[in-house]
Structure formats: structure tokens, C-alpha cells
């Protein structure tokens, strides 16, 4: 069978091979050549398609290293509560949406955040039942770690009233929330589930994302969902899907399912917004409460040892500083059993890593663990009036999400959105990492871009991907940008130089007063998965 050949011309190529290159030849699923317009003419014979990108910037496509695909589809098609500014708003929006739904529908909503309301009081379940008009309603908080549910929804979740985290007045957290979420996912018909997955993947492709890493597990999704996602990943018509299954002691099961790792959202704790992240000292706004551990160091050790035996990645979700302590003590204990080299060889992961201390950072670096982080969280919840400050106080906030310190210690980072928690906007993610409010915590544009491209591939052991050079996978995106520049590579904080003699590939200028780059084309392994009309 003849190899498909595509030639991209009249572009600006982000490549270490030739920073002045303007054209890319793709042969099959790999990059065959990178060079200049004059030489591109010689490659035009026998090419199946020539694409003039009209001055667009050609870069490696983004990797979203932490996602929830089906839940993202629910958010895209469901009730958007991100604009609600009070309990009354939530009830009004819910009532209007429910009036348009047929009987028997499970109404899915997402995005409410009481920390942005003048009055943080939540709707009561009786009030939600009135708005629901007899329908099962499930409304997740912005961090997806708690939810409001109508009585009809609770009826679909037998025994939920007896689980930790159940509040008769309305809110579901911890185990009660996990049970309700599982009930929702189990009841989605196959055809609807596939439609939700497709819509989510199309959204990522349109954002220049060619690979996503699903953080599944019994407490955040179910095996049916994983089966559909793995089946969908075999199609080349959208972003590549890598699935993690986060079940304590479930390494063999994860491997049998076809997951790339037994981790991801294997919860060591919850979230700051829901007061379920596990802290070393109490919350600033709820005295005598510092959350609780979902796992302890001995359980982490045993899970990591099982993963080592099964030759599969281990990983944990850890947000609070004390949760990080438990997880890293567990990894260190596993290293004492099998040796540090075997732990490092596994390239294990920790998701979020929002509150690492200096000691934590040293441990993460020594253990060879990838920090999978979401810079848009800092933009969404940082600042003197943000949720982080409400929950932790200003002093602890200054130590949060220290990307610069992690990079300086040699920690591998992979960036993602945690969609639907944060928007699917990779350039906004890069900009957020560059604009950290704490001095010294920011990254250069190059480092942030690398963490959101090559870093995601390295997190799943694919060291050949995420860079444009001959022989590398032809997974790339083309962007319409307002302004480009060459970054000076010798500063930690992002600064810019317009001197092309630096030999550094250009990137968009991500200033607040400029629009973010717009996707023109996204390719996965030489196939087009998005093309702007």
C-alpha cells in the first residue's frame, strides 16, 4: 500500500532541526523532511496533498495530560452553571432546563462555585426537587469533588444515605458523591455515551490537542466507560486516548483492561474547594478541619509494589500537602523494597501536586515521578480574593503550584486541564504557567509549552513524540497567531527577544491584550483530525 504524503508550505515551523524552516513533508504517520520553501518545490512531486498554511505557526500538537472525557461531553451538552452567582441562580437555571427535558431524563449540570457568590449558602434538596419537577438531577461543583442531587437522583443510588459524605440537606461529598456519579455513568445508554465521547474529542481536536490522558477509576467513572474509551481510542479520527485506571490494588486489573497505568485519579485526598484535600494544618475558613486521607503510606507502598511487579505505571491524585506526604512516604517505602532505580524506571505519576514543600519537591525529583499539573487552576482560584486564599490563607497560597521550583529541581512536568474542571484551552494553560502570581514560581514560555506537549508524551513513556523533526510522529497543529517572537532561553521568567539569530524556535506572544492563537489544523500521526472551515 502506497504511503500517503502531505506537504505543508508557507508556514513558520517550531522545530529544533531548523528554526527558520517554513515547510514540512509528512510521509505516512511520520515527518519525512523539514526545510524551506525553495526546497519544498522539489518535494512536491508525488505528494498527495499540498496545504498552504498561509503564514501559520506549525508546532507539535498539545497533549492534555489529565482529562475526564465522558464527563466533559456531559458538560458540553448539559446544563452550564458556571455563570451562577447564587443558590437562586442555580435553582432558576435548573428549573428552566428541566422544563425542556422529556420525562425520565437524567439532568446533568456542572460548574457551580459557591466561593464566587456573595452568599455561599447552597440550595437545599427540597428546593432542588421543586426545580427538578420530578426529574433526576445531578449538578457537580466546579472541582467535580462534590455535587447537588435531587431526591429522584438519590433514588437511583440505593444506600447513598448511609455513605460518608451524605448530607440530607443537599450536598454529596466523598463516598456518597462517588456512588451518585457511578450511578449516573452506569445509566448512560451506549449510543449517548459514544456521542458524549465524540463531542468531547472533537472539542480537544479543535483546540489543537492530539492526545488526551483519561483519569478513570471506580470512584470517578466505571469499567463500562473505560471499555468504550479504549474502543474509541483505536479509531484514528480524533485525539489519541491513553487510559489510567485508579484503583487501589488494581494494577493487574488495569493491565487486563488495556490501561497504560494503575493510577491517575486514585484519590489520596479530595479537593480544596470541597474542603476534602488533606492538609498538614487546618483550613483557614473551617477551624479544626484539615480534611482526611483516602489512603495512607502503607497502602501507597503496597500499590506501587504491585505496579512494579505488573510493570505498569502507578499514580495518585494528591492535592493537600499532607496527602503528598503520605504518597511520597509510600513511594519511598516501595523504593526501599525494590530499589530506587526500579521506581525511577517506572516513571510513576502524581496528579495535581498543588501544595508541595521543598522536601516534597526533592523527593519527587529523586523518585523520578512526573508531576501532572493544571496551571489554569492557579488562574481560576489564585489571587488575594480567590478560593485558594479563602481555604488556606495568604501565606500558604504563596507556596502553591511552584512550577519554577519543580523545574529547577529537574522534576518532569506534564500539563493538562482536568476537563471539565478547567476549560480546554492549551495556550491559556501555557500563559497561566508563565504568569504565576508568586515571584519565582512561573515558567518560561518554552518550558510551559514543552510541559504541555513533549511532557505529556514523556509521561506515558513516548520519548519520540512532541517535537517536530524528521523521523518523529507527524502529530502537529497549525495556528493563526497575532504576534510571534523568539524567547530568550536564559531566564526563568518569560522574556522575549526578536533576534532570530538565537536559533530558538518561535512561539506566540501570549500577552493579555492579544487574542490566543486560533487552531487552523490538527494532525495525529499524519491524519487530519481537525481542519478549520
Protein backbone atom coordinates (compact mmCIF):
# COMPACT_ATOMS: atom_id res chain seq x y z
CA UNK A 1 0.00 0.00 0.00
CA UNK A 2 1.40 3.40 -1.03
CA UNK A 3 2.34 5.83 1.74
CA UNK A 4 0.20 8.97 1.93
CA UNK A 5 2.34 12.11 1.50
CA UNK A 6 1.27 15.60 2.65
CA UNK A 7 3.27 18.80 2.24
CA UNK A 8 2.67 21.84 4.46
CA UNK A 9 4.08 25.03 2.93
CA UNK A 10 4.28 28.75 3.68
CA UNK A 11 4.43 28.30 7.43
CA UNK A 12 6.69 29.02 10.39
CA UNK A 13 7.89 25.74 11.87
CA UNK A 14 8.60 25.35 15.59
CA UNK A 15 11.47 22.87 15.33
CA UNK A 16 14.96 22.42 16.77
CA UNK A 17 16.01 20.92 13.42
CA UNK A 18 15.87 24.28 11.59
CA UNK A 19 14.31 27.27 13.40
CA UNK A 20 13.97 29.11 10.08
CA UNK A 21 12.03 26.30 8.36
CA UNK A 22 8.79 27.08 6.54
CA UNK A 23 7.68 23.69 5.20
CA UNK A 24 7.05 20.15 6.46
CA UNK A 25 6.74 16.94 4.44
CA UNK A 26 4.69 14.19 6.07
CA UNK A 27 5.12 10.64 4.84
CA UNK A 28 2.57 8.27 6.28
CA UNK A 29 2.48 8.79 10.03
CA UNK A 30 5.92 10.41 10.35
CA UNK A 31 7.72 13.60 9.43
CA UNK A 32 9.87 12.97 6.38
CA UNK A 33 11.53 16.37 5.93
CA UNK A 34 11.58 19.89 7.32
CA UNK A 35 13.02 22.81 5.39
CA UNK A 36 12.45 25.94 3.35
CA UNK A 37 10.08 26.97 0.58
CA UNK A 38 12.59 26.68 -2.25
CA UNK A 39 13.48 23.12 -1.37
CA UNK A 40 9.79 22.28 -0.79
CA UNK A 41 9.18 22.56 -4.53
CA UNK A 42 11.48 19.59 -5.07
CA UNK A 43 9.35 17.52 -2.69
CA UNK A 44 6.04 18.47 -4.33
CA UNK A 45 6.18 15.73 -6.98
CA UNK A 46 4.29 12.68 -5.83
CA UNK A 47 2.69 14.49 -2.92
CA UNK A 48 -0.98 13.62 -2.38
CA UNK A 49 -1.89 16.94 -0.84
CA UNK A 50 -0.24 20.33 -0.55
CA UNK A 51 -1.59 22.55 2.23
CA UNK A 52 -0.71 26.24 2.18
CA UNK A 53 -0.91 27.27 5.83
CA UNK A 54 -0.71 30.97 4.89
CA UNK A 55 1.91 32.01 7.40
CA UNK A 56 0.56 29.87 10.23
CA UNK A 57 2.76 28.63 13.05
CA UNK A 58 3.36 24.86 12.86
CA UNK A 59 4.06 23.28 16.26
CA UNK A 60 3.80 19.92 17.98
CA UNK A 61 0.17 19.34 18.92
CA UNK A 62 -0.77 19.65 22.57
CA UNK A 63 -1.25 16.74 24.96
CA UNK A 64 -3.91 17.14 27.65
CA UNK A 65 -2.38 15.03 30.41
CA UNK A 66 -5.39 14.88 32.76
CA UNK A 67 -8.96 14.64 31.48
CA UNK A 68 -12.37 13.07 32.07
CA UNK A 69 -13.73 12.51 28.59
CA UNK A 70 -17.31 11.36 29.13
CA UNK A 71 -17.85 13.89 31.90
CA UNK A 72 -16.52 16.59 29.59
CA UNK A 73 -19.08 15.51 26.99
CA UNK A 74 -21.79 15.78 29.64
CA UNK A 75 -20.67 19.30 30.43
CA UNK A 76 -20.60 20.32 26.77
CA UNK A 77 -24.13 19.01 26.23
CA UNK A 78 -25.57 19.61 29.69
CA UNK A 79 -26.55 22.48 31.96
CA UNK A 80 -23.78 25.05 32.36
CA UNK A 81 -23.84 26.51 35.87
CA UNK A 82 -20.53 28.36 35.69
CA UNK A 83 -22.36 31.69 35.45
CA UNK A 84 -24.47 31.11 38.58
CA UNK A 85 -23.78 33.63 41.33
CA UNK A 86 -26.18 32.39 44.00
CA UNK A 87 -28.26 29.43 45.09
CA UNK A 88 -31.23 31.19 43.49
CA UNK A 89 -29.37 31.29 40.17
CA UNK A 90 -28.68 27.55 40.34
CA UNK A 91 -32.34 26.84 41.02
CA UNK A 92 -33.56 29.18 38.29
CA UNK A 93 -31.23 27.75 35.65
CA UNK A 94 -32.08 24.20 36.69
CA UNK A 95 -35.82 24.81 36.57
CA UNK A 96 -35.61 26.35 33.08
CA UNK A 97 -33.50 23.46 31.80
CA UNK A 98 -35.72 20.78 33.34
CA UNK A 99 -38.84 22.24 31.72
CA UNK A 100 -37.32 21.43 28.30
CA UNK A 101 -36.45 17.80 29.10
CA UNK A 102 -38.63 14.74 28.43
CA UNK A 103 -39.81 12.55 31.35
CA UNK A 104 -37.23 10.11 32.64
CA UNK A 105 -34.23 12.26 31.68
CA UNK A 106 -31.23 12.45 33.99
CA UNK A 107 -30.35 16.14 34.03
CA UNK A 108 -26.61 16.77 34.20
CA UNK A 109 -25.20 20.14 35.23
CA UNK A 110 -21.74 21.35 36.10
CA UNK A 111 -19.71 24.34 37.16
CA UNK A 112 -21.30 25.98 40.20
CA UNK A 113 -18.78 27.55 42.58
CA UNK A 114 -20.10 29.00 45.81
CA UNK A 115 -16.77 30.69 46.58
CA UNK A 116 -17.63 33.29 43.91
CA UNK A 117 -21.08 34.05 45.39
CA UNK A 118 -21.82 36.96 47.77
CA UNK A 119 -23.75 34.44 49.89
CA UNK A 120 -22.16 30.95 49.73
CA UNK A 121 -25.27 29.16 51.01
CA UNK A 122 -26.17 26.21 48.76
CA UNK A 123 -29.63 25.22 47.53
CA UNK A 124 -31.47 22.83 49.81
CA UNK A 125 -32.56 19.46 48.42
CA UNK A 126 -36.26 20.34 48.83
CA UNK A 127 -35.71 23.45 46.74
CA UNK A 128 -33.84 21.45 44.11
CA UNK A 129 -36.69 18.93 43.97
CA UNK A 130 -39.11 21.72 43.12
CA UNK A 131 -36.82 22.99 40.35
CA UNK A 132 -36.28 19.44 39.08
CA UNK A 133 -40.02 18.90 38.57
CA UNK A 134 -39.74 15.15 39.15
CA UNK A 135 -36.53 14.57 37.18
CA UNK A 136 -33.29 13.07 38.44
CA UNK A 137 -30.86 16.00 38.67
CA UNK A 138 -27.11 15.76 39.28
CA UNK A 139 -25.16 19.05 39.48
CA UNK A 140 -21.39 18.88 40.01
CA UNK A 141 -19.32 21.57 41.68
CA UNK A 142 -16.61 23.17 39.53
CA UNK A 143 -13.94 20.85 41.00
CA UNK A 144 -16.14 17.74 40.41
CA UNK A 145 -15.48 16.62 44.02
CA UNK A 146 -18.98 17.32 45.30
CA UNK A 147 -22.45 17.64 43.84
CA UNK A 148 -26.05 18.59 44.44
CA UNK A 149 -28.59 15.86 43.69
CA UNK A 150 -32.36 15.77 43.64
CA UNK A 151 -34.34 13.14 45.54
CA UNK A 152 -35.08 11.37 42.23
CA UNK A 153 -31.34 11.10 41.64
CA UNK A 154 -30.79 9.68 45.12
CA UNK A 155 -33.45 7.05 44.41
CA UNK A 156 -31.18 5.76 41.63
CA UNK A 157 -28.35 5.34 44.15
CA UNK A 158 -29.50 2.79 46.79
CA UNK A 159 -27.76 3.10 50.13
CA UNK A 160 -26.28 6.52 49.41
CA UNK A 161 -27.78 7.89 52.63
CA UNK A 162 -25.54 5.55 54.64
CA UNK A 163 -22.28 6.57 52.98
CA UNK A 164 -19.72 9.07 54.29
CA UNK A 165 -20.24 12.48 52.72
CA UNK A 166 -24.04 12.32 52.54
CA UNK A 167 -25.84 15.44 53.76
CA UNK A 168 -29.61 15.20 53.97
CA UNK A 169 -29.96 18.92 53.22
CA UNK A 170 -28.40 18.66 49.79
CA UNK A 171 -24.63 18.25 49.30
CA UNK A 172 -22.92 14.99 48.35
CA UNK A 173 -19.21 14.54 49.03
CA UNK A 174 -16.65 11.73 49.38
CA UNK A 175 -18.15 8.21 49.08
CA UNK A 176 -21.71 9.45 48.70
CA UNK A 177 -20.69 11.58 45.73
CA UNK A 178 -18.68 8.75 44.16
CA UNK A 179 -21.73 6.47 44.38
CA UNK A 180 -24.01 9.06 42.76
CA UNK A 181 -21.53 9.72 39.95
CA UNK A 182 -21.21 5.98 39.30
CA UNK A 183 -24.99 5.69 39.15
CA UNK A 184 -25.14 8.43 36.53
CA UNK A 185 -22.42 6.88 34.37
CA UNK A 186 -23.94 3.40 34.56
CA UNK A 187 -27.28 4.66 33.25
CA UNK A 188 -25.99 6.42 30.15
CA UNK A 189 -27.11 4.43 27.06
CA UNK A 190 -24.28 3.24 24.81
CA UNK A 191 -25.30 5.48 21.91
CA UNK A 192 -25.49 8.56 24.15
CA UNK A 193 -22.14 7.71 25.76
CA UNK A 194 -20.49 7.44 22.36
CA UNK A 195 -21.97 10.78 21.32
CA UNK A 196 -20.65 12.42 24.51
CA UNK A 197 -17.17 10.96 23.93
CA UNK A 198 -17.13 12.09 20.29
CA UNK A 199 -18.21 15.62 21.15
CA UNK A 200 -15.51 15.92 23.80
CA UNK A 201 -12.81 14.59 21.48
CA UNK A 202 -13.87 16.94 18.70
CA UNK A 203 -13.54 19.83 21.13
CA UNK A 204 -9.99 18.81 22.02
CA UNK A 205 -9.03 18.39 18.36
CA UNK A 206 -10.40 21.85 17.55
CA UNK A 207 -8.19 23.22 20.34
CA UNK A 208 -5.04 21.75 18.80
CA UNK A 209 -4.90 18.78 21.18
CA UNK A 210 -3.96 15.46 19.54
CA UNK A 211 -3.70 13.26 22.64
CA UNK A 212 -5.58 13.04 25.93
CA UNK A 213 -4.97 11.03 29.08
CA UNK A 214 -8.14 9.78 30.76
CA UNK A 215 -8.09 9.55 34.56
CA UNK A 216 -10.60 6.78 35.22
CA UNK A 217 -11.26 4.61 38.24
CA UNK A 218 -14.07 3.08 40.30
CA UNK A 219 -14.54 6.28 42.29
CA UNK A 220 -14.75 8.64 39.30
CA UNK A 221 -16.05 6.52 36.39
CA UNK A 222 -16.62 2.81 35.77
CA UNK A 223 -15.34 -0.12 33.74
CA UNK A 224 -18.07 0.33 31.09
CA UNK A 225 -16.82 3.83 30.43
CA UNK A 226 -13.22 2.61 30.18
CA UNK A 227 -14.21 -0.14 27.73
CA UNK A 228 -15.87 2.42 25.44
CA UNK A 229 -12.91 4.80 25.68
CA UNK A 230 -10.36 2.12 24.83
CA UNK A 231 -12.52 1.01 21.92
CA UNK A 232 -12.77 4.62 20.73
CA UNK A 233 -9.00 5.10 21.04
CA UNK A 234 -8.48 2.54 18.28
CA UNK A 235 -10.07 4.93 15.79
CA UNK A 236 -7.74 7.47 14.19
CA UNK A 237 -10.44 10.10 13.70
CA UNK A 238 -9.77 12.03 16.89
CA UNK A 239 -7.14 12.61 19.56
CA UNK A 240 -5.26 9.57 20.84
CA UNK A 241 -6.61 8.31 24.17
CA UNK A 242 -4.46 6.84 26.94
CA UNK A 243 -6.48 5.49 29.86
CA UNK A 244 -5.44 5.25 33.50
CA UNK A 245 -7.42 3.12 35.96
CA UNK A 246 -7.05 4.39 39.53
CA UNK A 247 -7.98 1.52 41.82
CA UNK A 248 -6.00 0.72 44.94
CA UNK A 249 -4.54 -2.73 44.47
CA UNK A 250 -5.91 -2.81 40.94
CA UNK A 251 -2.69 -2.96 38.91
CA UNK A 252 -3.43 -6.38 37.38
CA UNK A 253 -6.97 -5.32 36.55
CA UNK A 254 -5.77 -2.07 34.96
CA UNK A 255 -3.33 -4.02 32.80
CA UNK A 256 -6.01 -6.51 31.75
CA UNK A 257 -8.36 -3.64 30.81
CA UNK A 258 -5.74 -2.15 28.50
CA UNK A 259 -4.95 0.87 30.69
CA UNK A 260 -1.49 2.40 30.46
CA UNK A 261 -1.29 2.90 34.20
CA UNK A 262 -2.88 1.98 37.51
CA UNK A 263 -3.14 5.49 38.82
CA UNK A 264 -4.40 8.83 37.69
CA UNK A 265 -7.28 9.78 39.92
CA UNK A 266 -6.53 7.20 42.57
CA UNK A 267 -7.52 9.54 45.34
CA UNK A 268 -5.11 10.20 48.20
CA UNK A 269 -7.45 13.07 49.11
CA UNK A 270 -10.16 15.28 47.63
CA UNK A 271 -10.09 18.97 46.68
CA UNK A 272 -9.54 22.31 48.36
CA UNK A 273 -12.81 23.76 47.11
CA UNK A 274 -14.78 20.94 48.73
CA UNK A 275 -12.67 21.02 51.94
CA UNK A 276 -11.61 17.41 51.29
CA UNK A 277 -7.93 17.94 50.41
CA UNK A 278 -5.77 16.53 53.23
CA UNK A 279 -3.74 19.30 54.89
CA UNK A 280 -0.98 19.32 57.50
CA UNK A 281 -2.86 22.08 59.35
CA UNK A 282 -6.48 23.14 59.41
CA UNK A 283 -8.34 25.11 56.75
CA UNK A 284 -8.41 28.87 57.21
CA UNK A 285 -12.18 29.04 56.85
CA UNK A 286 -13.15 25.87 58.76
CA UNK A 287 -11.27 25.53 62.03
CA UNK A 288 -10.44 22.05 63.37
CA UNK A 289 -10.83 20.58 59.88
CA UNK A 290 -7.87 19.61 57.73
CA UNK A 291 -9.55 17.06 55.50
CA UNK A 292 -8.83 13.36 55.72
CA UNK A 293 -6.58 10.83 53.98
CA UNK A 294 -8.20 8.50 51.48
CA UNK A 295 -5.06 6.32 51.53
CA UNK A 296 -2.12 6.01 53.92
CA UNK A 297 1.55 5.47 53.18
CA UNK A 298 1.43 1.69 53.70
CA UNK A 299 -1.37 1.37 51.13
CA UNK A 300 0.58 3.53 48.69
CA UNK A 301 3.67 1.33 49.17
CA UNK A 302 1.73 -1.87 48.50
CA UNK A 303 0.05 -0.43 45.41
CA UNK A 304 3.35 0.79 44.00
CA UNK A 305 4.98 -2.60 44.61
CA UNK A 306 2.10 -4.30 42.80
CA UNK A 307 2.53 -1.91 39.87
CA UNK A 308 6.27 -2.62 39.76
CA UNK A 309 5.53 -6.36 39.67
CA UNK A 310 2.99 -5.86 36.86
CA UNK A 311 5.34 -3.45 35.03
CA UNK A 312 2.71 -0.73 34.86
CA UNK A 313 2.77 2.91 35.99
CA UNK A 314 1.49 3.78 39.44
CA UNK A 315 -0.04 7.13 40.25
CA UNK A 316 -2.11 9.04 42.77
CA UNK A 317 -4.23 12.18 42.98
CA UNK A 318 -2.77 14.32 45.76
CA UNK A 319 -3.60 17.98 46.36
CA UNK A 320 -3.09 18.72 50.05
CA UNK A 321 0.42 18.86 51.50
CA UNK A 322 -0.30 16.04 53.96
CA UNK A 323 -1.71 13.87 51.17
CA UNK A 324 1.55 14.42 49.29
CA UNK A 325 3.47 13.37 52.40
CA UNK A 326 1.53 10.09 52.61
CA UNK A 327 2.00 9.36 48.91
CA UNK A 328 5.72 10.15 48.85
CA UNK A 329 6.37 8.18 52.03
CA UNK A 330 4.67 5.25 50.33
CA UNK A 331 6.78 5.59 47.20
CA UNK A 332 9.94 5.89 49.32
CA UNK A 333 8.99 2.77 51.27
CA UNK A 334 8.48 0.90 47.98
CA UNK A 335 11.94 2.06 46.85
CA UNK A 336 13.43 0.54 49.99
CA UNK A 337 11.97 -2.82 48.93
CA UNK A 338 12.80 -2.91 45.20
CA UNK A 339 15.48 -0.24 44.89
CA UNK A 340 15.33 3.36 43.76
CA UNK A 341 16.32 2.53 40.18
CA UNK A 342 13.27 0.31 39.66
CA UNK A 343 10.99 3.03 40.97
CA UNK A 344 12.56 5.63 38.71
CA UNK A 345 12.29 3.26 35.74
CA UNK A 346 8.51 3.14 36.22
CA UNK A 347 8.05 6.88 35.58
CA UNK A 348 5.18 6.98 38.04
CA UNK A 349 2.91 10.00 38.39
CA UNK A 350 1.26 12.25 40.91
CA UNK A 351 -1.71 14.30 39.73
CA UNK A 352 -2.13 17.97 40.76
CA UNK A 353 0.80 18.40 43.22
CA UNK A 354 -0.60 21.78 44.27
CA UNK A 355 0.98 22.16 47.71
CA UNK A 356 4.47 20.63 47.59
CA UNK A 357 7.03 21.67 50.17
CA UNK A 358 10.72 21.90 49.36
CA UNK A 359 11.18 18.41 50.79
CA UNK A 360 8.35 17.08 48.64
CA UNK A 361 9.97 18.53 45.53
CA UNK A 362 13.30 16.87 46.40
CA UNK A 363 11.54 13.53 46.91
CA UNK A 364 9.59 13.79 43.65
CA UNK A 365 12.79 14.53 41.75
CA UNK A 366 14.72 11.71 43.44
CA UNK A 367 11.96 9.18 42.74
CA UNK A 368 11.67 10.20 39.08
CA UNK A 369 7.97 10.94 39.45
CA UNK A 370 6.14 13.07 36.88
CA UNK A 371 4.14 15.98 38.30
CA UNK A 372 0.91 16.17 36.29
CA UNK A 373 -0.36 19.70 36.88
CA UNK A 374 -3.09 22.11 35.77
CA UNK A 375 -1.88 25.74 35.57
CA UNK A 376 -5.36 27.12 34.88
CA UNK A 377 -6.26 26.23 38.48
CA UNK A 378 -3.92 28.99 39.63
CA UNK A 379 -5.63 31.44 37.29
CA UNK A 380 -9.11 30.32 38.34
CA UNK A 381 -8.60 30.14 42.10
CA UNK A 382 -5.45 32.10 42.95
CA UNK A 383 -5.12 35.73 43.97
CA UNK A 384 -5.93 37.54 47.22
CA UNK A 385 -9.69 37.07 46.85
CA UNK A 386 -9.62 33.62 45.25
CA UNK A 387 -10.72 30.26 46.58
CA UNK A 388 -7.17 29.24 47.47
CA UNK A 389 -6.82 32.21 49.81
CA UNK A 390 -10.28 31.59 51.31
CA UNK A 391 -9.39 27.99 52.08
CA UNK A 392 -5.72 28.34 53.07
CA UNK A 393 -4.97 31.96 53.93
CA UNK A 394 -2.46 34.17 52.10
CA UNK A 395 0.75 32.64 53.49
CA UNK A 396 0.18 29.08 52.27
CA UNK A 397 -1.11 30.33 48.90
CA UNK A 398 2.32 31.85 48.21
CA UNK A 399 3.78 28.33 48.17
CA UNK A 400 1.24 26.77 45.83
CA UNK A 401 1.90 25.37 42.35
CA UNK A 402 5.63 26.25 42.31
CA UNK A 403 6.33 25.36 38.67
CA UNK A 404 9.66 27.19 38.68
CA UNK A 405 10.92 25.33 41.75
CA UNK A 406 9.86 21.99 40.29
CA UNK A 407 11.61 22.76 37.01
CA UNK A 408 14.76 23.92 38.80
CA UNK A 409 14.84 20.62 40.72
CA UNK A 410 14.62 18.64 37.48
CA UNK A 411 11.07 17.36 38.02
CA UNK A 412 9.35 16.26 34.82
CA UNK A 413 6.03 18.08 34.39
CA UNK A 414 3.03 17.29 32.21
CA UNK A 415 0.26 19.87 31.87
CA UNK A 416 -3.44 19.27 31.43
CA UNK A 417 -6.88 20.77 32.01
CA UNK A 418 -8.65 18.26 34.28
CA UNK A 419 -11.60 19.00 31.98
CA UNK A 420 -14.40 19.64 32.74
CA UNK A 421 -12.89 21.33 35.80
CA UNK A 422 -10.91 23.84 33.72
CA UNK A 423 -11.54 24.92 30.11
CA UNK A 424 -9.93 23.13 27.17
CA UNK A 425 -7.58 25.97 26.24
CA UNK A 426 -3.95 24.86 25.93
CA UNK A 427 -2.46 28.25 25.07
CA UNK A 428 -4.27 29.74 28.06
CA UNK A 429 -2.70 26.97 30.14
CA UNK A 430 0.77 27.88 28.85
CA UNK A 431 0.10 31.55 29.60
CA UNK A 432 -1.12 30.74 33.12
CA UNK A 433 2.14 28.90 33.87
CA UNK A 434 4.06 31.95 32.62
CA UNK A 435 2.02 34.41 34.68
CA UNK A 436 2.06 32.79 38.11
CA UNK A 437 1.32 35.43 40.74
CA UNK A 438 4.15 34.29 43.03
CA UNK A 439 7.65 35.57 42.09
CA UNK A 440 9.88 32.71 41.01
CA UNK A 441 7.02 30.24 40.58
CA UNK A 442 6.44 30.91 36.87
CA UNK A 443 7.92 29.10 33.88
CA UNK A 444 9.36 30.41 30.64
CA UNK A 445 7.11 30.08 27.63
CA UNK A 446 9.39 27.38 26.25
CA UNK A 447 9.26 25.32 29.45
CA UNK A 448 5.49 25.69 29.77
CA UNK A 449 4.92 24.80 26.11
CA UNK A 450 7.18 21.76 26.46
CA UNK A 451 5.30 20.57 29.55
CA UNK A 452 2.03 20.74 27.60
CA UNK A 453 3.43 18.95 24.53
CA UNK A 454 6.50 16.78 24.98
CA UNK A 455 5.92 16.46 28.73
CA UNK A 456 2.58 14.74 28.17
CA UNK A 457 4.14 12.18 25.81
CA UNK A 458 7.02 11.51 28.18
CA UNK A 459 4.52 10.92 30.96
CA UNK A 460 3.33 7.82 29.08
CA UNK A 461 6.81 6.73 28.03
CA UNK A 462 6.74 8.11 24.48
CA UNK A 463 10.04 9.95 24.25
CA UNK A 464 9.99 10.20 20.44
CA UNK A 465 6.90 12.41 20.35
CA UNK A 466 6.19 16.07 20.99
CA UNK A 467 8.91 17.52 18.78
CA UNK A 468 8.94 18.29 15.06
CA UNK A 469 11.95 16.69 13.41
CA UNK A 470 12.49 14.12 10.65
CA UNK A 471 11.50 10.64 11.79
CA UNK A 472 9.25 11.87 14.61
CA UNK A 473 5.49 11.17 14.61
CA UNK A 474 3.58 13.66 12.46
CA UNK A 475 1.39 14.86 15.31
CA UNK A 476 1.15 18.61 14.98
CA UNK A 477 -1.05 21.69 14.92
CA UNK A 478 -1.11 24.84 12.80
CA UNK A 479 -2.01 28.17 14.40
CA UNK A 480 -3.09 31.61 13.31
CA UNK A 481 -1.24 33.96 15.66
CA UNK A 482 -1.38 37.71 16.12
CA UNK A 483 2.27 38.06 17.05
CA UNK A 484 5.29 35.76 17.25
CA UNK A 485 8.64 36.18 18.92
CA UNK A 486 11.76 34.30 19.93
CA UNK A 487 12.18 33.82 23.62
CA UNK A 488 15.49 34.43 25.34
CA UNK A 489 16.32 31.00 26.76
CA UNK A 490 18.44 32.16 29.71
CA UNK A 491 15.71 33.49 32.04
CA UNK A 492 13.35 31.53 34.24
CA UNK A 493 10.62 34.16 33.92
CA UNK A 494 9.26 34.61 30.39
CA UNK A 495 11.05 37.36 28.47
CA UNK A 496 11.16 37.89 24.75
CA UNK A 497 13.73 38.65 22.07
CA UNK A 498 13.06 39.37 18.42
CA UNK A 499 16.55 38.32 17.34
CA UNK A 500 16.23 35.21 15.09
CA UNK A 501 19.96 34.55 15.41
CA UNK A 502 19.29 32.99 18.81
CA UNK A 503 18.29 29.81 16.95
CA UNK A 504 15.38 29.31 19.31
CA UNK A 505 12.05 28.24 17.77
CA UNK A 506 9.42 30.96 17.85
CA UNK A 507 6.27 30.84 19.95
CA UNK A 508 3.21 33.09 20.07
CA UNK A 509 3.35 36.16 22.26
CA UNK A 510 0.74 35.32 24.91
CA UNK A 511 0.06 38.80 26.18
CA UNK A 512 -3.23 39.56 27.91
CA UNK A 513 -4.12 42.19 25.30
CA UNK A 514 -3.73 39.76 22.38
CA UNK A 515 -6.15 37.01 21.36
CA UNK A 516 -4.94 33.47 21.90
CA UNK A 517 -3.76 31.58 18.80
CA UNK A 518 -6.57 30.06 16.75
CA UNK A 519 -6.36 26.47 15.53
CA UNK A 520 -6.16 26.08 11.77
CA UNK A 521 -5.29 22.38 11.56
CA UNK A 522 -4.65 19.46 13.92
CA UNK A 523 -2.94 16.26 12.79
CA UNK A 524 -2.47 12.98 14.61
CA UNK A 525 0.14 10.60 13.15
CA UNK A 526 -0.21 12.19 9.72
CA UNK A 527 -4.02 12.17 9.66
CA UNK A 528 -6.08 15.34 9.89
CA UNK A 529 -8.41 15.28 12.90
CA UNK A 530 -9.43 18.94 12.68
CA UNK A 531 -9.36 21.47 9.86
CA UNK A 532 -10.82 24.95 10.17
CA UNK A 533 -13.53 25.60 7.60
